[in-house]
């Protein structure tokens, strides 16, 4: 299934391209840690266990005669009690992921980024958490049995 393959490829891509970033956590034993990346939904744990986090989720698709398009949502979350650092850290994480996808052009072996992206940071933030999101469009090969 193209959707699951793209989600897995995005997960691996984001892990690889954010592995040098460290963000504060609420866990006193592990005060700074790298981003955890999930597909679908967060596991049913506390935010203390999961943040900083990136979650990748399929939003919608479209089949045209020659191509299938998949829109993927990417959610970003970090923790920081300092509002300036929280905001700037979130911007860094969003920009890192988006810029690397734009530079790479392909995710996995056969998912070209269609140069269509919407991203936002909402005005209302659940302090001390900082949340943002992006929606990106990828082309995907159609299974031969559909054509």
Protein backbone atom coordinates (compact mmCIF):
# COMPACT_ATOMS: atom_id res chain seq x y z
CA UNK A 1 0.00 0.00 0.00
CA UNK A 2 1.51 3.35 -1.04
CA UNK A 3 0.29 5.26 2.02
CA UNK A 4 1.98 3.01 4.56
CA UNK A 5 5.19 2.90 2.52
CA UNK A 6 5.27 6.72 2.30
CA UNK A 7 4.59 7.08 6.04
CA UNK A 8 7.47 4.72 6.83
CA UNK A 9 9.80 6.49 4.38
CA UNK A 10 8.91 9.90 5.86
CA UNK A 11 9.51 8.57 9.38
CA UNK A 12 12.99 7.31 8.45
CA UNK A 13 13.76 10.54 6.58
CA UNK A 14 12.73 12.78 9.48
CA UNK A 15 14.61 10.66 12.04
CA UNK A 16 17.76 10.87 9.93
CA UNK A 17 17.45 14.63 9.36
CA UNK A 18 16.66 15.62 12.96
CA UNK A 19 18.95 13.24 14.87
CA UNK A 20 21.34 16.09 15.76
CA UNK A 21 18.62 18.27 17.32
CA UNK A 22 18.07 18.13 21.07
CA UNK A 23 15.08 19.69 22.84
CA UNK A 24 14.14 20.06 26.51
CA UNK A 25 11.89 17.45 28.06
CA UNK A 26 9.92 17.33 31.29
CA UNK A 27 11.79 14.22 32.37
CA UNK A 28 14.36 15.28 34.98
CA UNK A 29 16.45 12.15 34.30
CA UNK A 30 16.61 13.00 30.58
CA UNK A 31 16.46 16.84 30.41
CA UNK A 32 17.40 17.14 26.72
CA UNK A 33 16.60 14.53 24.12
CA UNK A 34 16.14 14.01 20.39
CA UNK A 35 12.80 14.06 18.61
CA UNK A 36 10.70 10.90 18.61
CA UNK A 37 8.94 10.24 15.30
CA UNK A 38 5.66 8.32 15.00
CA UNK A 39 3.23 7.47 12.24
CA UNK A 40 -0.51 7.59 12.78
CA UNK A 41 -1.10 8.69 16.35
CA UNK A 42 0.90 9.09 19.53
CA UNK A 43 0.94 6.05 21.79
CA UNK A 44 -1.33 6.43 24.83
CA UNK A 45 1.43 7.68 27.13
CA UNK A 46 1.98 10.99 28.85
CA UNK A 47 3.41 14.00 27.03
CA UNK A 48 6.42 13.70 29.36
CA UNK A 49 7.29 10.41 27.65
CA UNK A 50 6.71 11.53 24.06
CA UNK A 51 7.72 15.19 23.64
CA UNK A 52 9.70 16.35 21.66
CA UNK A 53 7.77 14.63 18.90
CA UNK A 54 6.89 14.53 15.21
CA UNK A 55 3.78 12.63 14.11
CA UNK A 56 3.16 11.74 10.46
CA UNK A 57 -0.38 11.01 9.34
CA UNK A 58 -2.11 10.49 6.00
CA UNK A 59 -4.72 13.19 5.34
CA UNK A 60 -6.21 12.53 1.91
CA UNK A 61 -5.45 11.23 -1.55
CA UNK A 62 -6.51 11.75 -5.12
CA UNK A 63 -6.32 9.37 -8.06
CA UNK A 64 -5.90 10.88 -11.51
CA UNK A 65 -5.51 8.87 -14.72
CA UNK A 66 -1.70 8.80 -14.56
CA UNK A 67 -0.82 9.56 -10.94
CA UNK A 68 -1.94 9.18 -7.36
CA UNK A 69 -1.42 12.16 -5.06
CA UNK A 70 -1.11 11.76 -1.29
CA UNK A 71 -1.36 14.60 1.20
CA UNK A 72 0.45 13.94 4.44
CA UNK A 73 0.10 15.88 7.69
CA UNK A 74 3.13 16.31 9.91
CA UNK A 75 2.59 17.48 13.48
CA UNK A 76 5.44 18.91 15.55
CA UNK A 77 5.54 19.25 19.33
CA UNK A 78 8.19 20.44 21.74
CA UNK A 79 8.32 21.43 25.40
CA UNK A 80 9.93 24.57 26.76
CA UNK A 81 9.03 26.79 29.71
CA UNK A 82 10.73 29.75 28.02
CA UNK A 83 8.29 31.13 25.43
CA UNK A 84 10.95 32.60 23.14
CA UNK A 85 13.01 29.40 23.20
CA UNK A 86 9.87 27.28 22.74
CA UNK A 87 8.72 29.28 19.74
CA UNK A 88 12.20 29.37 18.17
CA UNK A 89 12.77 25.67 18.83
CA UNK A 90 9.49 24.81 17.13
CA UNK A 91 10.41 27.00 14.14
CA UNK A 92 13.79 25.27 13.91
CA UNK A 93 12.19 21.82 13.89
CA UNK A 94 9.53 22.71 11.28
CA UNK A 95 12.02 24.48 9.02
CA UNK A 96 14.56 21.66 9.28
CA UNK A 97 12.05 19.04 8.17
CA UNK A 98 10.48 21.13 5.39
CA UNK A 99 13.79 22.43 4.03
CA UNK A 100 15.31 18.95 3.89
CA UNK A 101 12.27 17.55 2.08
CA UNK A 102 12.45 20.41 -0.45
CA UNK A 103 16.20 19.82 -0.94
CA UNK A 104 15.83 16.05 -1.32
CA UNK A 105 12.82 16.20 -3.68
CA UNK A 106 12.13 12.45 -3.26
CA UNK A 107 11.13 10.55 -0.14
CA UNK A 108 11.97 6.88 -0.26
CA UNK A 109 12.50 5.38 -3.66
CA UNK A 110 9.51 6.77 -5.53
CA UNK A 111 7.59 9.54 -3.77
CA UNK A 112 8.39 12.92 -5.34
CA UNK A 113 7.50 15.97 -3.28
CA UNK A 114 5.10 18.05 -5.39
CA UNK A 115 6.37 21.42 -4.07
CA UNK A 116 3.04 22.00 -2.34
CA UNK A 117 3.20 22.64 1.39
CA UNK A 118 1.09 24.48 3.94
CA UNK A 119 2.40 24.93 7.45
CA UNK A 120 1.34 26.81 10.55
CA UNK A 121 1.84 27.55 14.20
CA UNK A 122 -1.47 28.36 15.86
CA UNK A 123 -1.83 31.57 17.88
CA UNK A 124 -3.09 29.67 20.93
CA UNK A 125 -0.42 27.34 22.32
CA UNK A 126 -0.85 24.85 25.20
CA UNK A 127 2.05 26.34 27.21
CA UNK A 128 4.65 24.97 28.02
CA UNK A 129 4.12 22.89 24.87
CA UNK A 130 4.66 24.36 21.40
CA UNK A 131 2.73 22.78 18.54
CA UNK A 132 2.87 23.27 14.77
CA UNK A 133 1.82 21.38 11.67
CA UNK A 134 2.46 21.03 7.96
CA UNK A 135 0.57 19.45 5.08
CA UNK A 136 2.67 18.23 2.17
CA UNK A 137 1.70 16.76 -1.18
CA UNK A 138 3.51 13.81 -2.77
CA UNK A 139 3.00 11.91 -5.99
CA UNK A 140 2.85 8.13 -5.74
CA UNK A 141 2.86 5.37 -8.32
CA UNK A 142 -0.54 3.86 -8.95
CA UNK A 143 -0.81 0.12 -8.61
CA UNK A 144 -0.88 -1.47 -12.05
CA UNK A 145 -4.25 -3.11 -11.42
CA UNK A 146 -5.92 0.35 -11.19
CA UNK A 147 -4.74 1.59 -14.60
